[in-house]
C-alpha cells in the first residue's frame, strides 16, 4: 500500500489527516471478518468428532463391563481401556478442522483419562469429571448425545 502511494506522485495535504491508516483499517476489516468466518468450525465436522468420541467411549465402557462381569483382572483392563480411550481422543482431536470447539475438550478429556490409565484412582478425580462434562456439553451443541 505504501509503495503505491509513493508512486502516485501526489503529496498529501498538510491540512488533511493522513488516510492510509484509516484505509488500511477499513480494508483489513472485511479480510479479518472473512478469516474469522473461515476459522469457524464446520458443524458437520464437529458432529463427526463427537460421534467418533462416543464410539471410543462406548467401546471402552463395553471392555470394562466385560472385564468386571467375566471375573478377569479389572484393574489391568481398566488401565488398557483408559489408555486406548486417551489415545483415541487425541487421535480424533487431531482430525479436527480449524476453529473446532470440540477438539480442545477432547484433548483435555483424553489427558485426564490418560492420568486414570496411570493411576486408576484418578478416574474419580474432579478434573476428569469436569472434562467429561465439557465434552458432553460441546457434543450436545454439535447434536450428539454423549455421556462421559
Foldseek 3Di string as FASTA:
>chain_A
DVVVVVVPPDDDDPVDDDCVVVVVVVVVVVVVVVVVVVQAFDLVLLLVLLVQLQVLVVVLVVQLVCCVVVVHDSLLSLLVSLLSSLVSLQVSLVPGGGNHPQSVLSNQLSVQSNVCSVPVVSCPPPSNVVSQVSNQVSNVVSVDHHGD
